[in-house]
Amino acid sequence: MKKCCWHKEREVPLAEYNTQRRRLAMALAPRQQKYRLHRYPVTTIQALVEQHTELLTVLESQALKYQLDS
């Protein structure tokens, strides 16, 4: 069986592949967020509030740790 010329395997270093995947994900994130907000507004807003709360908790604990170290 003959392989197609466009079906050749390419070897890409794993680190480069992962870097490209992260860049692609970051580029698509705003579009995905808009889609989720349009299709599932309640769930999306709840998730955003939870993320914000978690981030706020981490930042507050870091600030407290910094104050205790000083």
PDB file of N, CA and C in Angstrom:
ATOM      1  N   MET A   1       0.839  -1.186   0.000  1.00  0.00           N
ATOM      2  CA  MET A   1       0.000   0.000   0.000  1.00  0.00           C
ATOM      3  C   MET A   1       0.883   1.248   0.000  1.00  0.00           C
ATOM      4  N   LYS A   2       0.605   2.157  -0.893  1.00  0.00           N
ATOM      5  CA  LYS A   2       1.394   3.367  -1.028  1.00  0.00           C
ATOM      6  C   LYS A   2       0.801   4.470  -0.148  1.00  0.00           C
ATOM      7  N   LYS A   3       1.669   5.177   0.576  1.00  0.00           N
ATOM      8  CA  LYS A   3       1.224   6.285   1.424  1.00  0.00           C
ATOM      9  C   LYS A   3       1.118   7.557   0.597  1.00  0.00           C
ATOM     10  N   CYS A   4       0.211   8.404   1.001  1.00  0.00           N
ATOM     11  CA  CYS A   4       0.083   9.712   0.350  1.00  0.00           C
ATOM     12  C   CYS A   4       1.280  10.581   0.719  1.00  0.00           C
ATOM     13  N   CYS A   5       1.620  11.501  -0.135  1.00  0.00           N
ATOM     14  CA  CYS A   5       2.757  12.367   0.130  1.00  0.00           C
ATOM     15  C   CYS A   5       2.467  13.341   1.279  1.00  0.00           C
ATOM     16  N   TRP A   6       1.222  13.692   1.515  1.00  0.00           N
ATOM     17  CA  TRP A   6       0.889  14.622   2.589  1.00  0.00           C
ATOM     18  C   TRP A   6       0.689  13.914   3.920  1.00  0.00           C
ATOM     19  N   HIS A   7       0.782  12.614   3.929  1.00  0.00           N
ATOM     20  CA  HIS A   7       0.540  11.849   5.148  1.00  0.00           C
ATOM     21  C   HIS A   7       1.846  11.394   5.795  1.00  0.00           C
ATOM     22  N   LYS A   8       2.908  12.123   5.569  1.00  0.00           N
ATOM     23  CA  LYS A   8       4.193  11.774   6.157  1.00  0.00           C
ATOM     24  C   LYS A   8       4.201  12.176   7.627  1.00  0.00           C
ATOM     25  N   GLU A   9       4.832  11.361   8.434  1.00  0.00           N
ATOM     26  CA  GLU A   9       4.955  11.687   9.847  1.00  0.00           C
ATOM     27  C   GLU A   9       6.048  12.727  10.019  1.00  0.00           C
ATOM     28  N   ARG A  10       5.775  13.665  10.898  1.00  0.00           N
ATOM     29  CA  ARG A  10       6.772  14.682  11.207  1.00  0.00           C
ATOM     30  C   ARG A  10       7.189  14.493  12.653  1.00  0.00           C
ATOM     31  N   GLU A  11       8.439  14.698  12.889  1.00  0.00           N
ATOM     32  CA  GLU A  11       8.922  14.613  14.257  1.00  0.00           C
ATOM     33  C   GLU A  11       9.147  16.021  14.773  1.00  0.00           C
ATOM     34  N   VAL A  12       8.392  16.363  15.797  1.00  0.00           N
ATOM     35  CA  VAL A  12       8.497  17.670  16.425  1.00  0.00           C
ATOM     36  C   VAL A  12       8.892  17.425  17.874  1.00  0.00           C
ATOM     37  N   PRO A  13       9.869  18.159  18.371  1.00  0.00           N
ATOM     38  CA  PRO A  13      10.238  17.982  19.775  1.00  0.00           C
ATOM     39  C   PRO A  13       9.028  18.241  20.685  1.00  0.00           C
ATOM     40  N   LEU A  14       8.907  17.440  21.728  1.00  0.00           N
ATOM     41  CA  LEU A  14       7.759  17.530  22.628  1.00  0.00           C
ATOM     42  C   LEU A  14       7.639  18.916  23.251  1.00  0.00           C
ATOM     43  N   ALA A  15       8.734  19.517  23.644  1.00  0.00           N
ATOM     44  CA  ALA A  15       8.697  20.845  24.259  1.00  0.00           C
ATOM     45  C   ALA A  15       8.131  21.876  23.282  1.00  0.00           C
ATOM     46  N   GLU A  16       8.560  21.799  22.019  1.00  0.00           N
ATOM     47  CA  GLU A  16       8.058  22.730  21.003  1.00  0.00           C
ATOM     48  C   GLU A  16       6.565  22.507  20.764  1.00  0.00           C
ATOM     49  N   TYR A  17       6.161  21.244  20.699  1.00  0.00           N
ATOM     50  CA  TYR A  17       4.748  20.913  20.513  1.00  0.00           C
ATOM     51  C   TYR A  17       3.913  21.485  21.652  1.00  0.00           C
ATOM     52  N   ASN A  18       4.355  21.273  22.887  1.00  0.00           N
ATOM     53  CA  ASN A  18       3.615  21.770  24.051  1.00  0.00           C
ATOM     54  C   ASN A  18       3.552  23.284  24.069  1.00  0.00           C
ATOM     55  N   THR A  19       4.639  23.942  23.676  1.00  0.00           N
ATOM     56  CA  THR A  19       4.651  25.404  23.606  1.00  0.00           C
ATOM     57  C   THR A  19       3.626  25.897  22.591  1.00  0.00           C
ATOM     58  N   GLN A  20       3.584  25.274  21.424  1.00  0.00           N
ATOM     59  CA  GLN A  20       2.615  25.666  20.399  1.00  0.00           C
ATOM     60  C   GLN A  20       1.183  25.420  20.852  1.00  0.00           C
ATOM     61  N   ARG A  21       0.943  24.311  21.540  1.00  0.00           N
ATOM     62  CA  ARG A  21      -0.401  24.006  22.046  1.00  0.00           C
ATOM     63  C   ARG A  21      -0.852  25.055  23.064  1.00  0.00           C
ATOM     64  N   ARG A  22       0.079  25.477  23.951  1.00  0.00           N
ATOM     65  CA  ARG A  22      -0.251  26.513  24.939  1.00  0.00           C
ATOM     66  C   ARG A  22      -0.564  27.831  24.242  1.00  0.00           C
ATOM     67  N   ARG A  23       0.237  28.200  23.236  1.00  0.00           N
ATOM     68  CA  ARG A  23      -0.023  29.441  22.497  1.00  0.00           C
ATOM     69  C   ARG A  23      -1.378  29.395  21.810  1.00  0.00           C
ATOM     70  N   LEU A  24      -1.691  28.266  21.219  1.00  0.00           N
ATOM     71  CA  LEU A  24      -2.977  28.108  20.551  1.00  0.00           C
ATOM     72  C   LEU A  24      -4.120  28.224  21.562  1.00  0.00           C
ATOM     73  N   ALA A  25      -3.975  27.574  22.699  1.00  0.00           N
ATOM     74  CA  ALA A  25      -5.010  27.635  23.734  1.00  0.00           C
ATOM     75  C   ALA A  25      -5.208  29.068  24.225  1.00  0.00           C
ATOM     76  N   MET A  26      -4.103  29.789  24.409  1.00  0.00           N
ATOM     77  CA  MET A  26      -4.205  31.183  24.861  1.00  0.00           C
ATOM     78  C   MET A  26      -4.880  32.056  23.794  1.00  0.00           C
ATOM     79  N   ALA A  27      -4.599  31.780  22.546  1.00  0.00           N
ATOM     80  CA  ALA A  27      -5.198  32.566  21.464  1.00  0.00           C
ATOM     81  C   ALA A  27      -6.695  32.293  21.343  1.00  0.00           C
ATOM     82  N   LEU A  28      -7.114  31.066  21.619  1.00  0.00           N
ATOM     83  CA  LEU A  28      -8.518  30.695  21.488  1.00  0.00           C
ATOM     84  C   LEU A  28      -9.342  30.982  22.743  1.00  0.00           C
ATOM     85  N   ALA A  29      -8.688  31.245  23.853  1.00  0.00           N
ATOM     86  CA  ALA A  29      -9.394  31.427  25.125  1.00  0.00           C
ATOM     87  C   ALA A  29     -10.478  32.512  25.080  1.00  0.00           C
ATOM     88  N   PRO A  30     -10.208  33.702  24.547  1.00  0.00           N
ATOM     89  CA  PRO A  30     -11.264  34.727  24.525  1.00  0.00           C
ATOM     90  C   PRO A  30     -12.496  34.289  23.716  1.00  0.00           C
ATOM     91  N   ARG A  31     -12.245  33.640  22.599  1.00  0.00           N
ATOM     92  CA  ARG A  31     -13.352  33.169  21.756  1.00  0.00           C
ATOM     93  C   ARG A  31     -14.170  32.116  22.492  1.00  0.00           C
ATOM     94  N   GLN A  32     -13.487  31.186  23.164  1.00  0.00           N
ATOM     95  CA  GLN A  32     -14.189  30.140  23.915  1.00  0.00           C
ATOM     96  C   GLN A  32     -14.981  30.738  25.073  1.00  0.00           C
ATOM     97  N   GLN A  33     -14.399  31.731  25.731  1.00  0.00           N
ATOM     98  CA  GLN A  33     -15.087  32.378  26.852  1.00  0.00           C
ATOM     99  C   GLN A  33     -16.368  33.071  26.368  1.00  0.00           C
ATOM    100  N   LYS A  34     -16.270  33.753  25.243  1.00  0.00           N
ATOM    101  CA  LYS A  34     -17.446  34.421  24.687  1.00  0.00           C
ATOM    102  C   LYS A  34     -18.528  33.400  24.319  1.00  0.00           C
ATOM    103  N   TYR A  35     -18.102  32.288  23.743  1.00  0.00           N
ATOM    104  CA  TYR A  35     -19.036  31.218  23.377  1.00  0.00           C
ATOM    105  C   TYR A  35     -19.742  30.675  24.623  1.00  0.00           C
ATOM    106  N   ARG A  36     -18.948  30.367  25.651  1.00  0.00           N
ATOM    107  CA  ARG A  36     -19.539  29.832  26.886  1.00  0.00           C
ATOM    108  C   ARG A  36     -20.493  30.836  27.527  1.00  0.00           C
ATOM    109  N   LEU A  37     -20.101  32.101  27.542  1.00  0.00           N
ATOM    110  CA  LEU A  37     -20.945  33.133  28.152  1.00  0.00           C
ATOM    111  C   LEU A  37     -22.267  33.270  27.402  1.00  0.00           C
ATOM    112  N   HIS A  38     -22.217  33.130  26.092  1.00  0.00           N
ATOM    113  CA  HIS A  38     -23.426  33.217  25.284  1.00  0.00           C
ATOM    114  C   HIS A  38     -24.316  31.989  25.459  1.00  0.00           C
ATOM    115  N   ARG A  39     -23.699  30.789  25.458  1.00  0.00           N
ATOM    116  CA  ARG A  39     -24.481  29.551  25.514  1.00  0.00           C
ATOM    117  C   ARG A  39     -24.891  29.152  26.922  1.00  0.00           C
ATOM    118  N   TYR A  40     -24.011  29.378  27.903  1.00  0.00           N
ATOM    119  CA  TYR A  40     -24.260  28.935  29.280  1.00  0.00           C
ATOM    120  C   TYR A  40     -23.947  30.081  30.246  1.00  0.00           C
ATOM    121  N   PRO A  41     -24.759  31.131  30.246  1.00  0.00           N
ATOM    122  CA  PRO A  41     -24.411  32.323  31.023  1.00  0.00           C
ATOM    123  C   PRO A  41     -24.319  32.074  32.537  1.00  0.00           C
ATOM    124  N   VAL A  42     -25.261  31.366  33.093  1.00  0.00           N
ATOM    125  CA  VAL A  42     -25.278  31.174  34.541  1.00  0.00           C
ATOM    126  C   VAL A  42     -24.071  30.355  34.990  1.00  0.00           C
ATOM    127  N   THR A  43     -23.847  29.233  34.327  1.00  0.00           N
ATOM    128  CA  THR A  43     -22.727  28.369  34.684  1.00  0.00           C
ATOM    129  C   THR A  43     -21.395  29.093  34.496  1.00  0.00           C
ATOM    130  N   THR A  44     -21.267  29.847  33.421  1.00  0.00           N
ATOM    131  CA  THR A  44     -20.025  30.555  33.137  1.00  0.00           C
ATOM    132  C   THR A  44     -19.747  31.622  34.187  1.00  0.00           C
ATOM    133  N   ILE A  45     -20.762  32.374  34.559  1.00  0.00           N
ATOM    134  CA  ILE A  45     -20.582  33.418  35.568  1.00  0.00           C
ATOM    135  C   ILE A  45     -20.255  32.799  36.922  1.00  0.00           C
ATOM    136  N   GLN A  46     -20.917  31.688  37.262  1.00  0.00           N
ATOM    137  CA  GLN A  46     -20.601  31.006  38.517  1.00  0.00           C
ATOM    138  C   GLN A  46     -19.144  30.548  38.530  1.00  0.00           C
ATOM    139  N   ALA A  47     -18.672  29.997  37.420  1.00  0.00           N
ATOM    140  CA  ALA A  47     -17.278  29.552  37.331  1.00  0.00           C
ATOM    141  C   ALA A  47     -16.314  30.729  37.468  1.00  0.00           C
ATOM    142  N   LEU A  48     -16.655  31.863  36.849  1.00  0.00           N
ATOM    143  CA  LEU A  48     -15.804  33.047  36.957  1.00  0.00           C
ATOM    144  C   LEU A  48     -15.745  33.558  38.394  1.00  0.00           C
ATOM    145  N   VAL A  49     -16.878  33.552  39.076  1.00  0.00           N
ATOM    146  CA  VAL A  49     -16.911  33.987  40.470  1.00  0.00           C
ATOM    147  C   VAL A  49     -16.070  33.053  41.337  1.00  0.00           C
ATOM    148  N   GLU A  50     -16.177  31.750  41.106  1.00  0.00           N
ATOM    149  CA  GLU A  50     -15.376  30.783  41.857  1.00  0.00           C
ATOM    150  C   GLU A  50     -13.886  30.994  41.605  1.00  0.00           C
ATOM    151  N   GLN A  51     -13.504  31.208  40.343  1.00  0.00           N
ATOM    152  CA  GLN A  51     -12.095  31.448  40.018  1.00  0.00           C
ATOM    153  C   GLN A  51     -11.591  32.710  40.706  1.00  0.00           C
ATOM    154  N   HIS A  52     -12.410  33.754  40.677  1.00  0.00           N
ATOM    155  CA  HIS A  52     -12.032  35.023  41.301  1.00  0.00           C
ATOM    156  C   HIS A  52     -11.863  34.843  42.807  1.00  0.00           C
ATOM    157  N   THR A  53     -12.780  34.105  43.426  1.00  0.00           N
ATOM    158  CA  THR A  53     -12.720  33.868  44.867  1.00  0.00           C
ATOM    159  C   THR A  53     -11.465  33.085  45.241  1.00  0.00           C
ATOM    160  N   GLU A  54     -11.153  32.051  44.457  1.00  0.00           N
ATOM    161  CA  GLU A  54      -9.944  31.266  44.720  1.00  0.00           C
ATOM    162  C   GLU A  54      -8.691  32.129  44.583  1.00  0.00           C
ATOM    163  N   LEU A  55      -8.643  32.941  43.535  1.00  0.00           N
ATOM    164  CA  LEU A  55      -7.489  33.810  43.323  1.00  0.00           C
ATOM    165  C   LEU A  55      -7.353  34.819  44.459  1.00  0.00           C
ATOM    166  N   LEU A  56      -8.468  35.377  44.880  1.00  0.00           N
ATOM    167  CA  LEU A  56      -8.462  36.335  45.982  1.00  0.00           C
ATOM    168  C   LEU A  56      -7.951  35.687  47.267  1.00  0.00           C
ATOM    169  N   THR A  57      -8.357  34.449  47.515  1.00  0.00           N
ATOM    170  CA  THR A  57      -7.908  33.717  48.702  1.00  0.00           C
ATOM    171  C   THR A  57      -6.396  33.502  48.660  1.00  0.00           C
ATOM    172  N   VAL A  58      -5.886  33.110  47.505  1.00  0.00           N
ATOM    173  CA  VAL A  58      -4.439  32.895  47.352  1.00  0.00           C
ATOM    174  C   VAL A  58      -3.686  34.199  47.567  1.00  0.00           C
ATOM    175  N   LEU A  59      -4.165  35.271  46.962  1.00  0.00           N
ATOM    176  CA  LEU A  59      -3.485  36.563  47.100  1.00  0.00           C
ATOM    177  C   LEU A  59      -3.514  37.056  48.537  1.00  0.00           C
ATOM    178  N   GLU A  60      -4.635  36.875  49.216  1.00  0.00           N
ATOM    179  CA  GLU A  60      -4.735  37.290  50.615  1.00  0.00           C
ATOM    180  C   GLU A  60      -3.788  36.484  51.495  1.00  0.00           C
ATOM    181  N   SER A  61      -3.675  35.181  51.236  1.00  0.00           N
ATOM    182  CA  SER A  61      -2.772  34.354  52.039  1.00  0.00           C
ATOM    183  C   SER A  61      -1.311  34.734  51.781  1.00  0.00           C
ATOM    184  N   GLN A  62      -0.987  35.083  50.532  1.00  0.00           N
ATOM    185  CA  GLN A  62       0.366  35.535  50.226  1.00  0.00           C
ATOM    186  C   GLN A  62       0.667  36.856  50.903  1.00  0.00           C
ATOM    187  N   ALA A  63      -0.300  37.765  50.922  1.00  0.00           N
ATOM    188  CA  ALA A  63      -0.113  39.055  51.570  1.00  0.00           C
ATOM    189  C   ALA A  63       0.072  38.867  53.058  1.00  0.00           C
ATOM    190  N   LEU A  64      -0.693  37.971  53.666  1.00  0.00           N
ATOM    191  CA  LEU A  64      -0.580  37.694  55.093  1.00  0.00           C
ATOM    192  C   LEU A  64       0.781  37.091  55.400  1.00  0.00           C
ATOM    193  N   LYS A  65       1.234  36.163  54.567  1.00  0.00           N
ATOM    194  CA  LYS A  65       2.541  35.539  54.754  1.00  0.00           C
ATOM    195  C   LYS A  65       3.640  36.599  54.642  1.00  0.00           C
ATOM    196  N   TYR A  66       3.498  37.496  53.689  1.00  0.00           N
ATOM    197  CA  TYR A  66       4.491  38.559  53.510  1.00  0.00           C
ATOM    198  C   TYR A  66       4.539  39.465  54.737  1.00  0.00           C
ATOM    199  N   GLN A  67       3.366  39.789  55.306  1.00  0.00           N
ATOM    200  CA  GLN A  67       3.315  40.640  56.495  1.00  0.00           C
ATOM    201  C   GLN A  67       3.942  39.941  57.691  1.00  0.00           C
ATOM    202  N   LEU A  68       3.725  38.627  57.807  1.00  0.00           N
ATOM    203  CA  LEU A  68       4.287  37.891  58.935  1.00  0.00           C
ATOM    204  C   LEU A  68       5.805  37.760  58.814  1.00  0.00           C
ATOM    205  N   ASP A  69       6.308  37.676  57.572  1.00  0.00           N
ATOM    206  CA  ASP A  69       7.749  37.560  57.354  1.00  0.00           C
ATOM    207  C   ASP A  69       8.478  38.882  57.611  1.00  0.00           C
ATOM    208  N   SER A  70       7.783  39.983  57.465  1.00  0.00           N
ATOM    209  CA  SER A  70       8.419  41.307  57.623  1.00  0.00           C
ATOM    210  C   SER A  70       8.621  41.685  59.071  1.00  0.00           C
TER     211      SER A  70
END
